[in-house]
Amino acid sequence: RNSNPELEQLFAASFPLAPLIALLTNLFDNATDAHRMLWNFRRPVAMMAQNIGMWHDIVEFLNVAGVISNACIIAFTASWVKLPQFEEMLNNLPAKLCIVLIVENVVLGLKYFISAVIPDVPSQVHLQMRRERYRVPKILNSGNINAISDGEESIASMVSLGSQLPSYVILRFYPNDGNMCVSFVF
């Protein structure tokens, strides 16, 4: 990728169209990459992960660095500082640093408030996960695959487990229609 999100965020105040240009470039890159992956190259093997791991801390650091750099750019280069009523007051360095601290704290406070208000896991997904934690052990203990499809005819309902327990279980959730798919690997 040619996109540098950290540079875009750090200098968004000096070139406000940079994020829009980067978004359009990334959308074009995604479309061409999707075409390449589907038609020209072998598809990657999917791997399960709980979250993005240490990248979360890196992205958080870049967010804070971007807020601080944009606050500095606003305080030291903004055109409203040159207005006559603000010029005497904001002509010294301590006043500009106070503006940086105020803007930084307001933006970061708003960011952390929004992240606290919006849940990490939507309520429908959380409910589906609770159902799965209740339902899958019952299915595995009973050996009844028919319980998976709720009585519908499926390929899974034609397989009999017998006394052999699966060594690996793949669960797929479809929260939009409320369906769950369970695959057993022996």
C-alpha atoms as a PDB file:
ATOM      1  CA  ARG A   1       0.000   0.000   0.000  1.00  0.00           C
ATOM      2  CA  ASN A   2       1.082   3.518  -0.755  1.00  0.00           C
ATOM      3  CA  SER A   3      -1.150   4.982   1.927  1.00  0.00           C
ATOM      4  CA  ASN A   4       0.400   6.348   5.112  1.00  0.00           C
ATOM      5  CA  PRO A   5      -2.472   6.892   7.554  1.00  0.00           C
ATOM      6  CA  GLU A   6      -0.161   8.197  10.252  1.00  0.00           C
ATOM      7  CA  LEU A   7       1.149  10.938   7.964  1.00  0.00           C
ATOM      8  CA  GLU A   8      -2.364  11.766   6.793  1.00  0.00           C
ATOM      9  CA  GLN A   9      -3.518  12.150  10.371  1.00  0.00           C
ATOM     10  CA  LEU A  10      -0.489  14.141  11.479  1.00  0.00           C
ATOM     11  CA  PHE A  11      -0.829  16.705   8.706  1.00  0.00           C
ATOM     12  CA  ALA A  12      -4.586  16.781   8.152  1.00  0.00           C
ATOM     13  CA  ALA A  13      -4.805  20.341   9.435  1.00  0.00           C
ATOM     14  CA  SER A  14      -2.266  21.639   6.905  1.00  0.00           C
ATOM     15  CA  PHE A  15      -3.830  19.808   3.914  1.00  0.00           C
ATOM     16  CA  PRO A  16      -7.498  19.045   4.721  1.00  0.00           C
ATOM     17  CA  LEU A  17      -8.129  17.181   1.452  1.00  0.00           C
ATOM     18  CA  ALA A  18      -5.441  14.576   2.188  1.00  0.00           C
ATOM     19  CA  PRO A  19      -7.796  12.169   4.041  1.00  0.00           C
ATOM     20  CA  LEU A  20     -10.344  12.356   1.203  1.00  0.00           C
ATOM     21  CA  ILE A  21      -7.686  11.694  -1.431  1.00  0.00           C
ATOM     22  CA  ALA A  22      -6.309   8.831   0.682  1.00  0.00           C
ATOM     23  CA  LEU A  23      -9.814   7.359   1.062  1.00  0.00           C
ATOM     24  CA  LEU A  24     -10.396   7.430  -2.687  1.00  0.00           C
ATOM     25  CA  THR A  25      -6.956   5.919  -3.304  1.00  0.00           C
ATOM     26  CA  ASN A  26      -7.598   3.148  -0.770  1.00  0.00           C
ATOM     27  CA  LEU A  27     -11.016   2.355  -2.282  1.00  0.00           C
ATOM     28  CA  PHE A  28      -9.397   2.041  -5.704  1.00  0.00           C
ATOM     29  CA  ASP A  29      -6.585  -0.102  -4.241  1.00  0.00           C
ATOM     30  CA  ASN A  30      -9.108  -2.351  -2.485  1.00  0.00           C
ATOM     31  CA  ALA A  31     -11.011  -2.896  -5.723  1.00  0.00           C
ATOM     32  CA  THR A  32      -7.874  -3.747  -7.685  1.00  0.00           C
ATOM     33  CA  ASP A  33      -6.543  -5.956  -4.871  1.00  0.00           C
ATOM     34  CA  ALA A  34      -9.860  -7.805  -4.703  1.00  0.00           C
ATOM     35  CA  HIS A  35      -9.721  -8.394  -8.450  1.00  0.00           C
ATOM     36  CA  ARG A  36      -6.136  -9.647  -8.199  1.00  0.00           C
ATOM     37  CA  MET A  37      -6.908 -11.967  -5.290  1.00  0.00           C
ATOM     38  CA  LEU A  38      -9.977 -13.458  -6.937  1.00  0.00           C
ATOM     39  CA  TRP A  39      -8.615 -13.868 -10.443  1.00  0.00           C
ATOM     40  CA  ASN A  40      -4.818 -13.766 -10.433  1.00  0.00           C
ATOM     41  CA  PHE A  41      -3.567 -15.116  -7.120  1.00  0.00           C
ATOM     42  CA  ARG A  42      -4.378 -17.822  -4.634  1.00  0.00           C
ATOM     43  CA  ARG A  43      -6.629 -16.748  -1.806  1.00  0.00           C
ATOM     44  CA  PRO A  44      -5.040 -16.376   1.626  1.00  0.00           C
ATOM     45  CA  VAL A  45      -5.814 -18.867   4.351  1.00  0.00           C
ATOM     46  CA  ALA A  46      -8.056 -17.309   6.986  1.00  0.00           C
ATOM     47  CA  MET A  47      -6.878 -17.439  10.574  1.00  0.00           C
ATOM     48  CA  MET A  48      -9.009 -16.874  13.658  1.00  0.00           C
ATOM     49  CA  ALA A  49      -8.040 -14.068  16.020  1.00  0.00           C
ATOM     50  CA  GLN A  50      -9.644 -12.642  19.132  1.00  0.00           C
ATOM     51  CA  ASN A  51      -8.701  -9.037  18.304  1.00  0.00           C
ATOM     52  CA  ILE A  52      -6.023  -7.019  16.491  1.00  0.00           C
ATOM     53  CA  GLY A  53      -3.515  -7.562  19.292  1.00  0.00           C
ATOM     54  CA  MET A  54      -0.652  -5.114  19.703  1.00  0.00           C
ATOM     55  CA  TRP A  55      -1.823  -3.104  16.693  1.00  0.00           C
ATOM     56  CA  HIS A  56      -4.540  -1.636  18.922  1.00  0.00           C
ATOM     57  CA  ASP A  57      -1.877   0.082  21.051  1.00  0.00           C
ATOM     58  CA  ILE A  58      -0.056   1.314  17.949  1.00  0.00           C
ATOM     59  CA  VAL A  59      -3.242   2.781  16.464  1.00  0.00           C
ATOM     60  CA  GLU A  60      -4.084   4.432  19.814  1.00  0.00           C
ATOM     61  CA  PHE A  61      -0.625   6.007  19.943  1.00  0.00           C
ATOM     62  CA  LEU A  62      -0.984   7.287  16.367  1.00  0.00           C
ATOM     63  CA  ASN A  63      -4.388   8.771  17.231  1.00  0.00           C
ATOM     64  CA  VAL A  64      -2.972  10.665  20.205  1.00  0.00           C
ATOM     65  CA  ALA A  65       0.072  11.828  18.206  1.00  0.00           C
ATOM     66  CA  GLY A  66      -2.229  13.028  15.418  1.00  0.00           C
ATOM     67  CA  VAL A  67      -4.396  14.991  17.857  1.00  0.00           C
ATOM     68  CA  ILE A  68      -1.336  16.637  19.433  1.00  0.00           C
ATOM     69  CA  SER A  69       0.233  17.559  16.082  1.00  0.00           C
ATOM     70  CA  ASN A  70      -3.036  18.947  14.727  1.00  0.00           C
ATOM     71  CA  ALA A  71      -3.560  20.974  17.912  1.00  0.00           C
ATOM     72  CA  CYS A  72      -0.048  22.433  17.527  1.00  0.00           C
ATOM     73  CA  ILE A  73      -0.667  23.267  13.880  1.00  0.00           C
ATOM     74  CA  ILE A  74      -3.950  24.963  14.785  1.00  0.00           C
ATOM     75  CA  ALA A  75      -2.434  26.957  17.654  1.00  0.00           C
ATOM     76  CA  PHE A  76       0.702  28.103  15.843  1.00  0.00           C
ATOM     77  CA  THR A  77      -0.526  28.651  12.267  1.00  0.00           C
ATOM     78  CA  ALA A  78      -4.275  29.355  12.444  1.00  0.00           C
ATOM     79  CA  SER A  79      -5.489  32.514  10.734  1.00  0.00           C
ATOM     80  CA  TRP A  80      -7.863  33.470  13.581  1.00  0.00           C
ATOM     81  CA  VAL A  81      -4.762  34.166  15.716  1.00  0.00           C
ATOM     82  CA  LYS A  82      -3.981  37.079  13.410  1.00  0.00           C
ATOM     83  CA  LEU A  83      -7.265  38.854  14.184  1.00  0.00           C
ATOM     84  CA  PRO A  84      -6.706  42.138  16.107  1.00  0.00           C
ATOM     85  CA  GLN A  85      -8.695  41.120  19.199  1.00  0.00           C
ATOM     86  CA  PHE A  86      -6.613  37.938  19.661  1.00  0.00           C
ATOM     87  CA  GLU A  87      -3.229  39.150  18.441  1.00  0.00           C
ATOM     88  CA  GLU A  88      -1.993  40.715  21.696  1.00  0.00           C
ATOM     89  CA  MET A  89      -3.272  37.852  23.825  1.00  0.00           C
ATOM     90  CA  LEU A  90      -1.981  35.003  21.647  1.00  0.00           C
ATOM     91  CA  ASN A  91       1.301  36.495  20.530  1.00  0.00           C
ATOM     92  CA  ASN A  92       3.264  34.784  23.286  1.00  0.00           C
ATOM     93  CA  LEU A  93       4.255  31.114  23.558  1.00  0.00           C
ATOM     94  CA  PRO A  94       2.489  30.216  26.860  1.00  0.00           C
ATOM     95  CA  ALA A  95      -0.881  31.304  25.474  1.00  0.00           C
ATOM     96  CA  LYS A  96      -0.373  29.166  22.365  1.00  0.00           C
ATOM     97  CA  LEU A  97       0.613  26.165  24.506  1.00  0.00           C
ATOM     98  CA  CYS A  98      -2.560  26.658  26.535  1.00  0.00           C
ATOM     99  CA  ILE A  99      -4.555  26.516  23.294  1.00  0.00           C
ATOM    100  CA  VAL A 100      -2.735  23.289  22.380  1.00  0.00           C
ATOM    101  CA  LEU A 101      -3.587  21.747  25.773  1.00  0.00           C
ATOM    102  CA  ILE A 102      -7.225  22.856  25.628  1.00  0.00           C
ATOM    103  CA  VAL A 103      -7.787  21.578  22.077  1.00  0.00           C
ATOM    104  CA  GLU A 104      -5.933  18.341  22.809  1.00  0.00           C
ATOM    105  CA  ASN A 105      -7.872  17.611  26.008  1.00  0.00           C
ATOM    106  CA  VAL A 106     -11.244  18.423  24.426  1.00  0.00           C
ATOM    107  CA  VAL A 107     -10.639  16.192  21.396  1.00  0.00           C
ATOM    108  CA  LEU A 108      -9.158  13.290  23.384  1.00  0.00           C
ATOM    109  CA  GLY A 109     -11.904  13.566  26.010  1.00  0.00           C
ATOM    110  CA  LEU A 110     -14.526  13.408  23.271  1.00  0.00           C
ATOM    111  CA  LYS A 111     -12.747  10.427  21.710  1.00  0.00           C
ATOM    112  CA  TYR A 112     -12.629   8.477  24.971  1.00  0.00           C
ATOM    113  CA  PHE A 113     -16.237   9.393  25.801  1.00  0.00           C
ATOM    114  CA  ILE A 114     -17.436   8.083  22.431  1.00  0.00           C
ATOM    115  CA  SER A 115     -15.385   4.890  22.812  1.00  0.00           C
ATOM    116  CA  ALA A 116     -16.904   4.348  26.278  1.00  0.00           C
ATOM    117  CA  VAL A 117     -20.479   4.937  25.082  1.00  0.00           C
ATOM    118  CA  ILE A 118     -20.331   2.701  21.981  1.00  0.00           C
ATOM    119  CA  PRO A 119     -19.983  -0.972  22.957  1.00  0.00           C
ATOM    120  CA  ASP A 120     -17.204  -3.081  21.451  1.00  0.00           C
ATOM    121  CA  VAL A 121     -19.601  -5.942  20.722  1.00  0.00           C
ATOM    122  CA  PRO A 122     -23.121  -5.158  19.412  1.00  0.00           C
ATOM    123  CA  SER A 123     -25.966  -6.457  21.550  1.00  0.00           C
ATOM    124  CA  GLN A 124     -27.204  -8.861  18.840  1.00  0.00           C
ATOM    125  CA  VAL A 125     -23.757 -10.427  18.493  1.00  0.00           C
ATOM    126  CA  HIS A 126     -23.416 -10.674  22.271  1.00  0.00           C
ATOM    127  CA  LEU A 127     -26.804 -12.420  22.485  1.00  0.00           C
ATOM    128  CA  GLN A 128     -25.826 -14.822  19.699  1.00  0.00           C
ATOM    129  CA  MET A 129     -22.555 -15.625  21.492  1.00  0.00           C
ATOM    130  CA  ARG A 130     -24.446 -16.365  24.706  1.00  0.00           C
ATOM    131  CA  ARG A 131     -26.799 -18.683  22.806  1.00  0.00           C
ATOM    132  CA  GLU A 132     -23.826 -20.444  21.239  1.00  0.00           C
ATOM    133  CA  ARG A 133     -22.133 -20.940  24.617  1.00  0.00           C
ATOM    134  CA  TYR A 134     -25.325 -22.585  25.870  1.00  0.00           C
ATOM    135  CA  ARG A 135     -26.228 -24.557  22.757  1.00  0.00           C
ATOM    136  CA  VAL A 136     -22.964 -26.035  21.417  1.00  0.00           C
ATOM    137  CA  PRO A 137     -21.969 -28.037  24.535  1.00  0.00           C
ATOM    138  CA  LYS A 138     -25.468 -29.549  24.612  1.00  0.00           C
ATOM    139  CA  ILE A 139     -25.156 -30.571  20.966  1.00  0.00           C
ATOM    140  CA  LEU A 140     -21.674 -32.022  21.458  1.00  0.00           C
ATOM    141  CA  ASN A 141     -22.692 -33.959  24.564  1.00  0.00           C
ATOM    142  CA  SER A 142     -25.850 -35.370  23.001  1.00  0.00           C
ATOM    143  CA  GLY A 143     -24.252 -36.248  19.648  1.00  0.00           C
ATOM    144  CA  ASN A 144     -27.400 -34.986  17.922  1.00  0.00           C
ATOM    145  CA  ILE A 145     -26.476 -32.996  14.828  1.00  0.00           C
ATOM    146  CA  ASN A 146     -30.162 -32.577  13.949  1.00  0.00           C
ATOM    147  CA  ALA A 147     -30.373 -29.973  16.725  1.00  0.00           C
ATOM    148  CA  ILE A 148     -28.046 -27.699  14.768  1.00  0.00           C
ATOM    149  CA  SER A 149     -30.409 -27.003  11.915  1.00  0.00           C
ATOM    150  CA  ASP A 150     -33.555 -26.774  14.116  1.00  0.00           C
ATOM    151  CA  GLY A 151     -35.231 -29.621  12.278  1.00  0.00           C
ATOM    152  CA  GLU A 152     -34.460 -28.441   8.728  1.00  0.00           C
ATOM    153  CA  GLU A 153     -33.066 -30.950   6.280  1.00  0.00           C
ATOM    154  CA  SER A 154     -29.344 -30.421   5.782  1.00  0.00           C
ATOM    155  CA  ILE A 155     -26.203 -32.345   4.951  1.00  0.00           C
ATOM    156  CA  ALA A 156     -25.169 -32.168   8.601  1.00  0.00           C
ATOM    157  CA  SER A 157     -28.377 -33.906   9.692  1.00  0.00           C
ATOM    158  CA  MET A 158     -27.506 -36.916   7.526  1.00  0.00           C
ATOM    159  CA  VAL A 159     -24.229 -37.562   9.383  1.00  0.00           C
ATOM    160  CA  SER A 160     -24.231 -39.673  12.506  1.00  0.00           C
ATOM    161  CA  LEU A 161     -21.639 -38.996  15.173  1.00  0.00           C
ATOM    162  CA  GLY A 162     -21.951 -42.264  16.992  1.00  0.00           C
ATOM    163  CA  SER A 163     -19.455 -42.500  19.852  1.00  0.00           C
ATOM    164  CA  GLN A 164     -16.733 -40.499  18.070  1.00  0.00           C
ATOM    165  CA  LEU A 165     -16.380 -36.914  19.306  1.00  0.00           C
ATOM    166  CA  PRO A 166     -15.158 -34.185  16.974  1.00  0.00           C
ATOM    167  CA  SER A 167     -11.603 -32.934  17.400  1.00  0.00           C
ATOM    168  CA  TYR A 168     -12.359 -29.480  16.002  1.00  0.00           C
ATOM    169  CA  VAL A 169     -15.553 -27.418  15.783  1.00  0.00           C
ATOM    170  CA  ILE A 170     -16.028 -24.456  13.449  1.00  0.00           C
ATOM    171  CA  LEU A 171     -18.797 -22.011  14.351  1.00  0.00           C
ATOM    172  CA  ARG A 172     -20.136 -19.422  11.954  1.00  0.00           C
ATOM    173  CA  PHE A 173     -22.638 -16.782  13.059  1.00  0.00           C
ATOM    174  CA  TYR A 174     -24.918 -14.808  10.806  1.00  0.00           C
ATOM    175  CA  PRO A 175     -26.316 -12.085  13.092  1.00  0.00           C
ATOM    176  CA  ASN A 176     -28.442 -10.475  10.377  1.00  0.00           C
ATOM    177  CA  ASP A 177     -30.698 -13.509  10.003  1.00  0.00           C
ATOM    178  CA  GLY A 178     -29.931 -15.087  13.397  1.00  0.00           C
ATOM    179  CA  ASN A 179     -28.570 -18.326  11.924  1.00  0.00           C
ATOM    180  CA  MET A 180     -25.647 -20.345  13.198  1.00  0.00           C
ATOM    181  CA  CYS A 181     -23.627 -22.916  11.272  1.00  0.00           C
ATOM    182  CA  VAL A 182     -21.615 -25.562  13.118  1.00  0.00           C
ATOM    183  CA  SER A 183     -19.063 -27.700  11.270  1.00  0.00           C
ATOM    184  CA  PHE A 184     -17.415 -30.715  12.868  1.00  0.00           C
ATOM    185  CA  VAL A 185     -13.936 -31.961  11.923  1.00  0.00           C
ATOM    186  CA  PHE A 186     -13.062 -35.486  12.985  1.00  0.00           C
END
